Every structure is written in C-alpha cells, then in structure tokens.
Amino acid sequence: MKLSIIVPVYQVEAHIDECITSILDQTFRDFELILVDDGSLDRCPAICDAYAQKDSRIRVIHQKNQGLSAARNTGLQAARGDYIGFVDSDDFIEASMYEKLLDNLEREKANISVCGRYKVWGDKKIQEQKSNVYKVMDSAQALALMNTNVLGYFDVAAWDKIYKRSCFKGIEFPEGKLCEDWFVMYKLFFNARRIVYDSIPLYNYRQRTGSITHGKKVNTMSLSASLEVLNFVRTQQPQYVREAQFAYVFAGIGVIDNYIEQSSIDRKSIDAVYKKIKPYLQTTYRYPGLKGKRKVQLFMVKKAMPLYICCFKWIKRRMRG
C-alpha cells in the first residue's frame, strides 16, 4: 500500500459525497481511504459505510466525538501506507492531486510534497497563492517559507501535503487544542530532509458562509502556536528567526481581527495582543516582498490602531478583493 488518505468526518452531510468522490476519482489508484467518523450525528456514518461497501479501498472507523486531532490520530494509527495524506471532509480535491504530489516527491527524493490550493466560495474558485512557484528546500528553508505564507506561499495546513510516514515518528496532533496544524507542522518539517513545493492548485478549500462567530470566545491559540514556532526557530534555525517573527506578527493581527469582529469590541484584549507583537512590527514592516494591501494593513496596526478598528470592515473587503 503506497498511500493512506485520512479523512476525519463530522457533521458534513452536505459535502461528504463530493469529498469522497473526488478522492475515489484520483488518477493515482494505489491508496487506502480511511474515513474516521468522529461521532457525527447526521447521516455521515451511514454514507461512509455505504461507500465502504462499494469500494474495497475504503475503511471506516467509528468513534465517539473527540475532535479533529483525535480523529486524525486514529487514522494515523490505522494507516498502512508508505505515505500519508489528509483531506478535510467538507473539501474536495482535483483528480491529479496525489499523482502530482507523489511524482514531485519521488523525483526530488523529498520527504514532504506540497501543492497549491483554491479557496472555494460557492461556485467560485480563487487562487490566492503565487502561481508558477516550484521550490525544493531543506527543512529550515521550508519552515521559513511557511512562516511568510501571507506573501503567497503555503501555510501550516495539513491537507495540501503528503508525508513520508517516517515524518510522523513521535508526532501526533495535539488533542484539545485549536490551530492543531500549527503545533505539528514545524515538527514534521524538522523531521523531513527535503520538502518540495509546487504551487499548482490541486486542493479545494471550502469557505463556509457564516463561519464568523460573533459574541463567542476569541481563539488565541494561533498566537500561542506561532510563539512556540518562534522559540523553536530561535534555538534550532536562528538564521530564519525574522521569518518566524513575521508569522508571529500576522498571527497576532489575525487574533486582533477576531476581537474586532465581536459584537462588543474588547479593546483591553486587543491592546494585550498588540503589546506582544509590538517588538517585531518594525522588522516585519521592512520584510522584503511585503507590499500592497498587507503592508498597508501592518502600517495601520503599527501606527493607527483606532483607525484600523474603525475601518476594519472596509479593510477586510479590500484584503479579500
């Protein structure tokens, strides 16, 4: 068995058929598909079982609800492939995705292979990453590129990559934490000798409307995760500390944005996050390649936070459009 594809499944009845079909339609055929039903309360368990009856490559594991990390870990424990891939159950993939990822990995003798993605809004696909990028990197170079993903490169997501099984030695997804990919990806890169990145968009990342939750507790875990990465880079890859600071700053801005999106703006919490990222704002502002909308955003956070808060909705429209 060459490839194990792990799909955690929870409450995605509207999208699970498209997800599974896109995997079964891959031009690369030597894989097993592990569907981990994480205690889904809709029709997903029955749908998964029905697919398994039709295709011998599919295995279904039913477990009580434990969260995304636990479901992925269950899949990893059951996987028999030489390589590992993940797909989120509300997303779908292009037919050539795994063939292309594996071809690149084997040609470059790499341990991790990464592709580009589309963001999918209804029937509209948008490629937000740079096009025509092909890079072969060591682990430190790949982590640096990932830390500057807002410039148009790949990020910490687990699902636009395949991994040699050995990369996961001693590594599991952290259960009970959000931003789980961020806590894991730098460790996987550290375990990898070579990483190849091809920006051709082959993964379709669905953007669900109504995903912003006003009035609920803001998730600050991305700031904690990016600080963990920053501390790792300081000790293990100090030549790329500026890139890790870059990631920490934009993680902080993301948390600030989430506070602003709340029905009642918590200025005290915003100021606390700003204080954490402030030492790195100037070096990030001067980072080569940072320009346009991102540079304006960073300038406003650095110099005019009240104006940034006041104009936030307009700024976000400009960032997306």
C-alpha atoms as a PDB file:
ATOM      1  CA  MET A   1       0.000   0.000   0.000  1.00  0.00           C
ATOM      2  CA  LYS A   2       1.610   3.233  -1.143  1.00  0.00           C
ATOM      3  CA  LEU A   3      -0.645   5.974   0.260  1.00  0.00           C
ATOM      4  CA  SER A   4      -3.055   6.297   3.182  1.00  0.00           C
ATOM      5  CA  ILE A   5      -5.568   9.152   2.868  1.00  0.00           C
ATOM      6  CA  ILE A   6      -7.146  10.109   6.202  1.00  0.00           C
ATOM      7  CA  VAL A   7     -10.472  11.964   6.296  1.00  0.00           C
ATOM      8  CA  PRO A   8     -11.944  12.957   9.685  1.00  0.00           C
ATOM      9  CA  VAL A   9     -15.742  13.132   9.298  1.00  0.00           C
ATOM     10  CA  TYR A  10     -18.068  15.191  11.471  1.00  0.00           C
ATOM     11  CA  GLN A  11     -21.392  16.847  10.632  1.00  0.00           C
ATOM     12  CA  VAL A  12     -20.702  17.428   6.916  1.00  0.00           C
ATOM     13  CA  GLU A  13     -23.640  15.631   5.330  1.00  0.00           C
ATOM     14  CA  ALA A  14     -23.982  18.304   2.641  1.00  0.00           C
ATOM     15  CA  HIS A  15     -20.375  17.899   1.433  1.00  0.00           C
ATOM     16  CA  ILE A  16     -19.179  14.383   2.256  1.00  0.00           C
ATOM     17  CA  ASP A  17     -20.246  12.838  -1.088  1.00  0.00           C
ATOM     18  CA  GLU A  18     -18.248  15.373  -3.090  1.00  0.00           C
ATOM     19  CA  CYS A  19     -15.236  14.883  -0.816  1.00  0.00           C
ATOM     20  CA  ILE A  20     -15.207  11.075  -1.060  1.00  0.00           C
ATOM     21  CA  THR A  21     -15.952  11.032  -4.789  1.00  0.00           C
ATOM     22  CA  SER A  22     -13.074  13.417  -5.501  1.00  0.00           C
ATOM     23  CA  ILE A  23     -10.708  11.024  -3.701  1.00  0.00           C
ATOM     24  CA  LEU A  24     -12.009   7.888  -5.398  1.00  0.00           C
ATOM     25  CA  ASP A  25     -11.646   9.626  -8.781  1.00  0.00           C
ATOM     26  CA  GLN A  26      -7.890  10.165  -8.340  1.00  0.00           C
ATOM     27  CA  THR A  27      -5.685   9.254 -11.291  1.00  0.00           C
ATOM     28  CA  PHE A  28      -3.347   7.660  -8.735  1.00  0.00           C
ATOM     29  CA  ARG A  29      -5.030   4.443  -7.611  1.00  0.00           C
ATOM     30  CA  ASP A  30      -2.771   2.694  -5.073  1.00  0.00           C
ATOM     31  CA  PHE A  31      -4.242   4.106  -1.878  1.00  0.00           C
ATOM     32  CA  GLU A  32      -6.458   3.308   1.066  1.00  0.00           C
ATOM     33  CA  LEU A  33      -9.069   5.803   2.215  1.00  0.00           C
ATOM     34  CA  ILE A  34      -9.593   5.889   5.978  1.00  0.00           C
ATOM     35  CA  LEU A  35     -12.838   7.623   6.937  1.00  0.00           C
ATOM     36  CA  VAL A  36     -12.845   8.400  10.657  1.00  0.00           C
ATOM     37  CA  ASP A  37     -16.418   9.077  11.783  1.00  0.00           C
ATOM     38  CA  ASP A  38     -15.853  11.256  14.836  1.00  0.00           C
ATOM     39  CA  GLY A  39     -19.264  10.660  16.387  1.00  0.00           C
ATOM     40  CA  SER A  40     -21.151  12.533  13.668  1.00  0.00           C
ATOM     41  CA  LEU A  41     -24.861  12.879  14.478  1.00  0.00           C
ATOM     42  CA  ASP A  42     -26.106  13.379  10.904  1.00  0.00           C
ATOM     43  CA  ARG A  43     -26.195  10.854   8.032  1.00  0.00           C
ATOM     44  CA  CYS A  44     -22.405  10.837   7.585  1.00  0.00           C
ATOM     45  CA  PRO A  45     -21.805   7.481   9.358  1.00  0.00           C
ATOM     46  CA  ALA A  46     -24.292   5.714   7.091  1.00  0.00           C
ATOM     47  CA  ILE A  47     -22.916   7.463   3.996  1.00  0.00           C
ATOM     48  CA  CYS A  48     -19.365   6.395   4.855  1.00  0.00           C
ATOM     49  CA  ASP A  49     -20.444   2.793   5.436  1.00  0.00           C
ATOM     50  CA  ALA A  50     -22.284   2.743   2.097  1.00  0.00           C
ATOM     51  CA  TYR A  51     -19.146   3.868   0.244  1.00  0.00           C
ATOM     52  CA  ALA A  52     -17.053   1.234   2.036  1.00  0.00           C
ATOM     53  CA  GLN A  53     -19.401  -1.493   0.809  1.00  0.00           C
ATOM     54  CA  LYS A  54     -18.822  -0.367  -2.786  1.00  0.00           C
ATOM     55  CA  ASP A  55     -15.025   0.149  -2.745  1.00  0.00           C
ATOM     56  CA  SER A  56     -12.551  -2.174  -1.016  1.00  0.00           C
ATOM     57  CA  ARG A  57     -10.009   0.645  -0.652  1.00  0.00           C
ATOM     58  CA  ILE A  58     -12.216   2.329   1.959  1.00  0.00           C
ATOM     59  CA  ARG A  59     -12.101   1.617   5.657  1.00  0.00           C
ATOM     60  CA  VAL A  60     -14.480   3.310   8.101  1.00  0.00           C
ATOM     61  CA  ILE A  61     -13.673   3.802  11.766  1.00  0.00           C
ATOM     62  CA  HIS A  62     -16.493   4.932  14.062  1.00  0.00           C
ATOM     63  CA  GLN A  63     -15.586   6.588  17.355  1.00  0.00           C
ATOM     64  CA  LYS A  64     -17.195   8.884  19.888  1.00  0.00           C
ATOM     65  CA  ASN A  65     -16.707  12.586  19.257  1.00  0.00           C
ATOM     66  CA  GLN A  66     -13.202  13.612  20.327  1.00  0.00           C
ATOM     67  CA  GLY A  67     -12.309  16.371  17.877  1.00  0.00           C
ATOM     68  CA  LEU A  68     -10.280  16.762  14.691  1.00  0.00           C
ATOM     69  CA  SER A  69      -6.886  15.978  16.203  1.00  0.00           C
ATOM     70  CA  ALA A  70      -8.092  12.745  17.810  1.00  0.00           C
ATOM     71  CA  ALA A  71      -9.735  11.662  14.543  1.00  0.00           C
ATOM     72  CA  ARG A  72      -6.516  12.270  12.603  1.00  0.00           C
ATOM     73  CA  ASN A  73      -4.511  10.395  15.232  1.00  0.00           C
ATOM     74  CA  THR A  74      -6.918   7.465  14.955  1.00  0.00           C
ATOM     75  CA  GLY A  75      -6.362   7.464  11.200  1.00  0.00           C
ATOM     76  CA  LEU A  76      -2.582   7.605  11.630  1.00  0.00           C
ATOM     77  CA  GLN A  77      -2.649   4.610  13.970  1.00  0.00           C
ATOM     78  CA  ALA A  78      -4.685   2.615  11.437  1.00  0.00           C
ATOM     79  CA  ALA A  79      -2.754   3.709   8.320  1.00  0.00           C
ATOM     80  CA  ARG A  80      -0.805   1.090   6.357  1.00  0.00           C
ATOM     81  CA  GLY A  81       0.625   3.262   3.579  1.00  0.00           C
ATOM     82  CA  ASP A  82       4.202   4.349   2.976  1.00  0.00           C
ATOM     83  CA  TYR A  83       2.918   7.918   2.631  1.00  0.00           C
ATOM     84  CA  ILE A  84       0.223   9.874   4.480  1.00  0.00           C
ATOM     85  CA  GLY A  85      -2.270  12.441   3.180  1.00  0.00           C
ATOM     86  CA  PHE A  86      -5.184  14.284   4.780  1.00  0.00           C
ATOM     87  CA  VAL A  87      -8.381  15.716   3.334  1.00  0.00           C
ATOM     88  CA  ASP A  88     -10.938  17.659   5.381  1.00  0.00           C
ATOM     89  CA  SER A  89     -14.405  16.238   4.859  1.00  0.00           C
ATOM     90  CA  ASP A  90     -16.016  19.485   3.669  1.00  0.00           C
ATOM     91  CA  ASP A  91     -13.337  19.997   0.998  1.00  0.00           C
ATOM     92  CA  PHE A  92     -12.577  18.234  -2.291  1.00  0.00           C
ATOM     93  CA  ILE A  93      -9.514  17.663  -4.452  1.00  0.00           C
ATOM     94  CA  GLU A  94      -8.547  17.740  -8.108  1.00  0.00           C
ATOM     95  CA  ALA A  95      -8.256  14.353  -9.835  1.00  0.00           C
ATOM     96  CA  SER A  96      -4.479  14.626 -10.342  1.00  0.00           C
ATOM     97  CA  MET A  97      -3.582  15.845  -6.849  1.00  0.00           C
ATOM     98  CA  TYR A  98      -1.982  12.743  -5.368  1.00  0.00           C
ATOM     99  CA  GLU A  99      -0.342  11.678  -8.626  1.00  0.00           C
ATOM    100  CA  LYS A 100       1.314  15.079  -8.878  1.00  0.00           C
ATOM    101  CA  LEU A 101       2.337  15.214  -5.220  1.00  0.00           C
ATOM    102  CA  LEU A 102       3.881  11.748  -5.392  1.00  0.00           C
ATOM    103  CA  ASP A 103       5.631  12.412  -8.704  1.00  0.00           C
ATOM    104  CA  ASN A 104       7.245  15.544  -7.254  1.00  0.00           C
ATOM    105  CA  LEU A 105       8.188  13.784  -4.030  1.00  0.00           C
ATOM    106  CA  GLU A 106       9.828  10.837  -5.748  1.00  0.00           C
ATOM    107  CA  ARG A 107      11.575  12.909  -8.431  1.00  0.00           C
ATOM    108  CA  GLU A 108      13.123  15.222  -5.818  1.00  0.00           C
ATOM    109  CA  LYS A 109      13.751  12.434  -3.278  1.00  0.00           C
ATOM    110  CA  ALA A 110      11.788  14.514  -0.770  1.00  0.00           C
ATOM    111  CA  ASN A 111      10.006  13.579   2.454  1.00  0.00           C
ATOM    112  CA  ILE A 112       7.138  16.060   2.149  1.00  0.00           C
ATOM    113  CA  SER A 113       5.417  17.266  -1.018  1.00  0.00           C
ATOM    114  CA  VAL A 114       3.190  20.365  -1.056  1.00  0.00           C
ATOM    115  CA  CYS A 115       0.746  21.697  -3.664  1.00  0.00           C
ATOM    116  CA  GLY A 116      -1.264  24.875  -4.107  1.00  0.00           C
ATOM    117  CA  ARG A 117      -4.932  25.341  -3.320  1.00  0.00           C
ATOM    118  CA  TYR A 118      -8.076  27.096  -4.368  1.00  0.00           C
ATOM    119  CA  LYS A 119     -10.320  28.843  -1.885  1.00  0.00           C
ATOM    120  CA  VAL A 120     -13.881  27.933  -2.834  1.00  0.00           C
ATOM    121  CA  TRP A 121     -16.732  30.364  -2.229  1.00  0.00           C
ATOM    122  CA  GLY A 122     -19.883  28.653  -3.505  1.00  0.00           C
ATOM    123  CA  ASP A 123     -19.239  28.041  -7.202  1.00  0.00           C
ATOM    124  CA  LYS A 124     -16.278  30.435  -7.324  1.00  0.00           C
ATOM    125  CA  LYS A 125     -12.655  29.287  -7.031  1.00  0.00           C
ATOM    126  CA  ILE A 126      -9.892  31.731  -6.131  1.00  0.00           C
ATOM    127  CA  GLN A 127      -6.166  31.021  -6.177  1.00  0.00           C
ATOM    128  CA  GLU A 128      -4.679  33.410  -3.622  1.00  0.00           C
ATOM    129  CA  GLN A 129      -1.163  31.970  -3.686  1.00  0.00           C
ATOM    130  CA  LYS A 130       1.581  32.907  -6.131  1.00  0.00           C
ATOM    131  CA  SER A 131       1.486  30.897  -9.337  1.00  0.00           C
ATOM    132  CA  ASN A 132       4.380  29.184 -11.142  1.00  0.00           C
ATOM    133  CA  VAL A 133       6.394  28.554  -7.968  1.00  0.00           C
ATOM    134  CA  TYR A 134       8.447  25.359  -7.734  1.00  0.00           C
ATOM    135  CA  LYS A 135      10.926  25.003  -4.878  1.00  0.00           C
ATOM    136  CA  VAL A 136      12.973  22.199  -3.370  1.00  0.00           C
ATOM    137  CA  MET A 137      14.062  23.069   0.160  1.00  0.00           C
ATOM    138  CA  ASP A 138      15.619  21.709   3.291  1.00  0.00           C
ATOM    139  CA  SER A 139      13.512  21.738   6.453  1.00  0.00           C
ATOM    140  CA  ALA A 140      14.688  25.153   7.671  1.00  0.00           C
ATOM    141  CA  GLN A 141      14.065  26.831   4.304  1.00  0.00           C
ATOM    142  CA  ALA A 142      10.600  25.264   4.062  1.00  0.00           C
ATOM    143  CA  LEU A 143       9.631  26.419   7.549  1.00  0.00           C
ATOM    144  CA  ALA A 144      10.818  29.942   6.722  1.00  0.00           C
ATOM    145  CA  LEU A 145       8.679  29.973   3.572  1.00  0.00           C
ATOM    146  CA  MET A 146       5.700  28.674   5.510  1.00  0.00           C
ATOM    147  CA  ASN A 147       6.176  31.397   8.128  1.00  0.00           C
ATOM    148  CA  THR A 148       5.849  34.031   5.391  1.00  0.00           C
ATOM    149  CA  ASN A 149       2.787  32.415   3.820  1.00  0.00           C
ATOM    150  CA  VAL A 150       0.860  35.713   3.653  1.00  0.00           C
ATOM    151  CA  LEU A 151       3.221  36.665   0.820  1.00  0.00           C
ATOM    152  CA  GLY A 152       1.541  33.964  -1.262  1.00  0.00           C
ATOM    153  CA  TYR A 153       3.070  30.652  -0.241  1.00  0.00           C
ATOM    154  CA  PHE A 154       1.819  27.526   1.538  1.00  0.00           C
ATOM    155  CA  ASP A 155       0.869  27.600   5.200  1.00  0.00           C
ATOM    156  CA  VAL A 156       0.552  25.206   8.147  1.00  0.00           C
ATOM    157  CA  ALA A 157      -2.488  23.307   6.823  1.00  0.00           C
ATOM    158  CA  ALA A 158      -2.056  19.524   6.940  1.00  0.00           C
ATOM    159  CA  TRP A 159      -4.209  18.768   3.900  1.00  0.00           C
ATOM    160  CA  ASP A 160      -2.306  20.236   0.910  1.00  0.00           C
ATOM    161  CA  LYS A 161       0.657  17.938   1.528  1.00  0.00           C
ATOM    162  CA  ILE A 162       1.766  14.313   1.557  1.00  0.00           C
ATOM    163  CA  TYR A 163       4.310  12.987   4.016  1.00  0.00           C
ATOM    164  CA  LYS A 164       6.680  10.066   4.220  1.00  0.00           C
ATOM    165  CA  ARG A 165       5.356   8.004   7.075  1.00  0.00           C
ATOM    166  CA  SER A 166       8.663   8.407   8.933  1.00  0.00           C
ATOM    167  CA  CYS A 167       7.991  12.143   9.347  1.00  0.00           C
ATOM    168  CA  PHE A 168       5.343  11.285  11.960  1.00  0.00           C
ATOM    169  CA  LYS A 169       7.743   9.345  14.183  1.00  0.00           C
ATOM    170  CA  GLY A 170       6.994  10.544  17.712  1.00  0.00           C
ATOM    171  CA  ILE A 171       4.458  13.126  16.485  1.00  0.00           C
ATOM    172  CA  GLU A 172       0.692  13.275  16.982  1.00  0.00           C
ATOM    173  CA  PHE A 173      -1.852  16.049  16.558  1.00  0.00           C
ATOM    174  CA  PRO A 174      -2.488  17.799  19.910  1.00  0.00           C
ATOM    175  CA  GLU A 175      -5.898  16.812  21.226  1.00  0.00           C
ATOM    176  CA  GLY A 176      -7.988  19.514  22.845  1.00  0.00           C
ATOM    177  CA  LYS A 177      -6.271  22.376  21.004  1.00  0.00           C
ATOM    178  CA  LEU A 178      -7.411  24.538  18.136  1.00  0.00           C
ATOM    179  CA  CYS A 179      -4.894  25.519  15.418  1.00  0.00           C
ATOM    180  CA  GLU A 180      -3.659  21.937  15.719  1.00  0.00           C
ATOM    181  CA  ASP A 181      -1.779  22.041  12.403  1.00  0.00           C
ATOM    182  CA  TRP A 182       0.370  24.928  13.578  1.00  0.00           C
ATOM    183  CA  PHE A 183       1.567  22.946  16.605  1.00  0.00           C
ATOM    184  CA  VAL A 184       2.532  19.987  14.406  1.00  0.00           C
ATOM    185  CA  MET A 185       3.799  21.214  11.037  1.00  0.00           C
ATOM    186  CA  TYR A 186       7.119  22.663  12.178  1.00  0.00           C
ATOM    187  CA  LYS A 187       7.921  19.326  13.847  1.00  0.00           C
ATOM    188  CA  LEU A 188       7.103  17.413  10.663  1.00  0.00           C
ATOM    189  CA  PHE A 189       9.303  19.749   8.634  1.00  0.00           C
ATOM    190  CA  PHE A 190      12.106  19.296  11.151  1.00  0.00           C
ATOM    191  CA  ASN A 191      11.824  15.523  10.689  1.00  0.00           C
ATOM    192  CA  ALA A 192      11.949  15.901   6.903  1.00  0.00           C
ATOM    193  CA  ARG A 193      15.206  16.107   4.978  1.00  0.00           C
ATOM    194  CA  ARG A 194      13.765  17.684   1.815  1.00  0.00           C
ATOM    195  CA  ILE A 195      10.466  19.381   1.008  1.00  0.00           C
ATOM    196  CA  VAL A 196       9.184  20.101  -2.496  1.00  0.00           C
ATOM    197  CA  TYR A 197       6.567  22.769  -3.193  1.00  0.00           C
ATOM    198  CA  ASP A 198       4.639  23.117  -6.451  1.00  0.00           C
ATOM    199  CA  SER A 199       2.103  25.954  -6.441  1.00  0.00           C
ATOM    200  CA  ILE A 200      -0.269  24.305  -8.956  1.00  0.00           C
ATOM    201  CA  PRO A 201      -3.665  24.483  -7.155  1.00  0.00           C
ATOM    202  CA  LEU A 202      -4.944  20.954  -6.606  1.00  0.00           C
ATOM    203  CA  TYR A 203      -6.768  21.198  -3.271  1.00  0.00           C
ATOM    204  CA  ASN A 204     -10.168  22.909  -2.958  1.00  0.00           C
ATOM    205  CA  TYR A 205     -10.553  24.584   0.430  1.00  0.00           C
ATOM    206  CA  ARG A 206     -14.205  25.360   1.018  1.00  0.00           C
ATOM    207  CA  GLN A 207     -15.089  28.639   2.726  1.00  0.00           C
ATOM    208  CA  ARG A 208     -18.349  28.223   4.577  1.00  0.00           C
ATOM    209  CA  THR A 209     -20.577  31.258   4.886  1.00  0.00           C
ATOM    210  CA  GLY A 210     -21.436  32.281   8.413  1.00  0.00           C
ATOM    211  CA  SER A 211     -18.206  30.888   9.839  1.00  0.00           C
ATOM    212  CA  ILE A 212     -17.501  34.060  11.846  1.00  0.00           C
ATOM    213  CA  THR A 213     -18.996  33.639  15.307  1.00  0.00           C
ATOM    214  CA  HIS A 214     -19.886  36.943  16.858  1.00  0.00           C
ATOM    215  CA  GLY A 215     -20.070  37.073  20.628  1.00  0.00           C
ATOM    216  CA  LYS A 216     -18.193  33.787  21.207  1.00  0.00           C
ATOM    217  CA  LYS A 217     -14.812  33.477  22.867  1.00  0.00           C
ATOM    218  CA  VAL A 218     -11.963  34.512  20.574  1.00  0.00           C
ATOM    219  CA  ASN A 219      -9.492  31.747  19.721  1.00  0.00           C
ATOM    220  CA  THR A 220      -5.998  32.970  20.601  1.00  0.00           C
ATOM    221  CA  MET A 221      -4.342  29.611  20.027  1.00  0.00           C
ATOM    222  CA  SER A 222      -2.691  30.725  16.778  1.00  0.00           C
ATOM    223  CA  LEU A 223      -0.684  33.261  18.782  1.00  0.00           C
ATOM    224  CA  SER A 224       0.441  30.565  21.220  1.00  0.00           C
ATOM    225  CA  ALA A 225       1.325  28.193  18.376  1.00  0.00           C
ATOM    226  CA  SER A 226       3.287  30.783  16.408  1.00  0.00           C
ATOM    227  CA  LEU A 227       5.184  31.733  19.584  1.00  0.00           C
ATOM    228  CA  GLU A 228       6.084  28.063  20.034  1.00  0.00           C
ATOM    229  CA  VAL A 229       7.429  28.039  16.474  1.00  0.00           C
ATOM    230  CA  LEU A 230       9.321  31.279  17.074  1.00  0.00           C
ATOM    231  CA  ASN A 231      11.014  29.842  20.164  1.00  0.00           C
ATOM    232  CA  PHE A 232      11.885  26.679  18.211  1.00  0.00           C
ATOM    233  CA  VAL A 233      13.432  28.664  15.360  1.00  0.00           C
ATOM    234  CA  ARG A 234      15.446  30.799  17.785  1.00  0.00           C
ATOM    235  CA  THR A 235      17.211  27.698  19.099  1.00  0.00           C
ATOM    236  CA  GLN A 236      17.258  25.380  16.063  1.00  0.00           C
ATOM    237  CA  GLN A 237      17.249  27.625  12.965  1.00  0.00           C
ATOM    238  CA  PRO A 238      18.341  31.114  14.120  1.00  0.00           C
ATOM    239  CA  GLN A 239      19.176  32.219  10.582  1.00  0.00           C
ATOM    240  CA  TYR A 240      15.410  32.311   9.914  1.00  0.00           C
ATOM    241  CA  VAL A 241      14.216  33.998  13.103  1.00  0.00           C
ATOM    242  CA  ARG A 242      12.984  37.028  11.167  1.00  0.00           C
ATOM    243  CA  GLU A 243      10.551  34.828   9.230  1.00  0.00           C
ATOM    244  CA  ALA A 244       9.266  33.308  12.483  1.00  0.00           C
ATOM    245  CA  GLN A 245       8.747  36.805  13.891  1.00  0.00           C
ATOM    246  CA  PHE A 246       6.838  37.634  10.696  1.00  0.00           C
ATOM    247  CA  ALA A 247       4.482  34.699  11.321  1.00  0.00           C
ATOM    248  CA  TYR A 248       4.009  35.697  14.968  1.00  0.00           C
ATOM    249  CA  VAL A 249       3.064  39.252  13.990  1.00  0.00           C
ATOM    250  CA  PHE A 250       0.458  38.181  11.446  1.00  0.00           C
ATOM    251  CA  ALA A 251      -0.935  35.563  13.836  1.00  0.00           C
ATOM    252  CA  GLY A 252      -1.376  38.401  16.317  1.00  0.00           C
ATOM    253  CA  ILE A 253      -3.088  40.577  13.716  1.00  0.00           C
ATOM    254  CA  GLY A 254      -5.442  37.679  12.999  1.00  0.00           C
ATOM    255  CA  VAL A 255      -6.367  37.490  16.679  1.00  0.00           C
ATOM    256  CA  ILE A 256      -6.867  41.266  16.788  1.00  0.00           C
ATOM    257  CA  ASP A 257      -9.160  40.961  13.761  1.00  0.00           C
ATOM    258  CA  ASN A 258     -11.209  38.331  15.581  1.00  0.00           C
ATOM    259  CA  TYR A 259     -11.597  40.610  18.589  1.00  0.00           C
ATOM    260  CA  ILE A 260     -12.758  43.439  16.328  1.00  0.00           C
ATOM    261  CA  GLU A 261     -15.339  41.124  14.712  1.00  0.00           C
ATOM    262  CA  GLN A 262     -17.059  40.554  18.050  1.00  0.00           C
ATOM    263  CA  SER A 263     -20.337  42.337  18.722  1.00  0.00           C
ATOM    264  CA  SER A 264     -18.658  44.135  21.631  1.00  0.00           C
ATOM    265  CA  ILE A 265     -15.065  45.117  20.897  1.00  0.00           C
ATOM    266  CA  ASP A 266     -12.680  44.157  23.717  1.00  0.00           C
ATOM    267  CA  ARG A 267     -10.101  46.914  23.489  1.00  0.00           C
ATOM    268  CA  LYS A 268      -8.217  45.660  26.563  1.00  0.00           C
ATOM    269  CA  SER A 269      -7.591  42.274  24.919  1.00  0.00           C
ATOM    270  CA  ILE A 270      -6.618  43.952  21.636  1.00  0.00           C
ATOM    271  CA  ASP A 271      -4.062  46.083  23.463  1.00  0.00           C
ATOM    272  CA  ALA A 272      -2.663  42.978  25.193  1.00  0.00           C
ATOM    273  CA  VAL A 273      -2.097  41.232  21.847  1.00  0.00           C
ATOM    274  CA  TYR A 274      -0.621  44.387  20.339  1.00  0.00           C
ATOM    275  CA  LYS A 275       1.856  44.602  23.226  1.00  0.00           C
ATOM    276  CA  LYS A 276       3.059  41.055  22.450  1.00  0.00           C
ATOM    277  CA  ILE A 277       3.708  41.642  18.756  1.00  0.00           C
ATOM    278  CA  LYS A 278       4.914  45.256  19.025  1.00  0.00           C
ATOM    279  CA  PRO A 279       8.654  44.391  19.322  1.00  0.00           C
ATOM    280  CA  TYR A 280       8.539  42.748  15.885  1.00  0.00           C
ATOM    281  CA  LEU A 281       6.336  45.171  13.969  1.00  0.00           C
ATOM    282  CA  GLN A 282       9.108  47.314  12.515  1.00  0.00           C
ATOM    283  CA  THR A 283      11.256  44.436  11.222  1.00  0.00           C
ATOM    284  CA  THR A 284       8.158  42.782   9.769  1.00  0.00           C
ATOM    285  CA  TYR A 285       7.122  46.018   8.068  1.00  0.00           C
ATOM    286  CA  ARG A 286      10.531  46.139   6.372  1.00  0.00           C
ATOM    287  CA  TYR A 287      10.465  42.477   5.335  1.00  0.00           C
ATOM    288  CA  PRO A 288      11.401  42.046   1.624  1.00  0.00           C
ATOM    289  CA  GLY A 289       8.383  41.234  -0.507  1.00  0.00           C
ATOM    290  CA  LEU A 290       5.809  42.713   1.874  1.00  0.00           C
ATOM    291  CA  LYS A 291       3.863  45.246  -0.128  1.00  0.00           C
ATOM    292  CA  GLY A 292       0.431  46.407  -1.196  1.00  0.00           C
ATOM    293  CA  LYS A 293      -2.556  45.550   0.974  1.00  0.00           C
ATOM    294  CA  ARG A 294      -0.588  43.637   3.586  1.00  0.00           C
ATOM    295  CA  LYS A 295       1.865  46.487   4.063  1.00  0.00           C
ATOM    296  CA  VAL A 296      -0.962  48.994   4.475  1.00  0.00           C
ATOM    297  CA  GLN A 297      -2.645  46.691   6.984  1.00  0.00           C
ATOM    298  CA  LEU A 298       0.549  46.345   9.005  1.00  0.00           C
ATOM    299  CA  PHE A 299       1.185  50.105   8.886  1.00  0.00           C
ATOM    300  CA  MET A 300      -2.286  50.823  10.276  1.00  0.00           C
ATOM    301  CA  VAL A 301      -1.902  48.285  13.075  1.00  0.00           C
ATOM    302  CA  LYS A 302       1.507  49.745  13.919  1.00  0.00           C
ATOM    303  CA  LYS A 303       0.627  53.432  13.725  1.00  0.00           C
ATOM    304  CA  ALA A 304      -3.163  53.863  13.835  1.00  0.00           C
ATOM    305  CA  MET A 305      -4.926  51.091  15.741  1.00  0.00           C
ATOM    306  CA  PRO A 306      -8.073  53.176  16.480  1.00  0.00           C
ATOM    307  CA  LEU A 307      -8.415  53.899  12.749  1.00  0.00           C
ATOM    308  CA  TYR A 308      -7.792  50.231  11.944  1.00  0.00           C
ATOM    309  CA  ILE A 309     -10.618  49.222  14.277  1.00  0.00           C
ATOM    310  CA  CYS A 310     -12.941  51.898  12.882  1.00  0.00           C
ATOM    311  CA  CYS A 311     -12.241  50.979   9.245  1.00  0.00           C
ATOM    312  CA  PHE A 312     -11.938  47.230   9.791  1.00  0.00           C
ATOM    313  CA  LYS A 313     -14.839  46.091   7.584  1.00  0.00           C
ATOM    314  CA  TRP A 314     -13.618  48.213   4.680  1.00  0.00           C
ATOM    315  CA  ILE A 315     -10.042  46.972   5.156  1.00  0.00           C
ATOM    316  CA  LYS A 316     -11.137  43.320   5.131  1.00  0.00           C
ATOM    317  CA  ARG A 317     -13.114  43.842   1.929  1.00  0.00           C
ATOM    318  CA  ARG A 318     -10.004  45.330   0.334  1.00  0.00           C
ATOM    319  CA  MET A 319      -7.863  42.431   1.611  1.00  0.00           C
ATOM    320  CA  ARG A 320     -10.232  39.881   0.060  1.00  0.00           C
ATOM    321  CA  GLY A 321     -10.882  41.712  -3.156  1.00  0.00           C
END
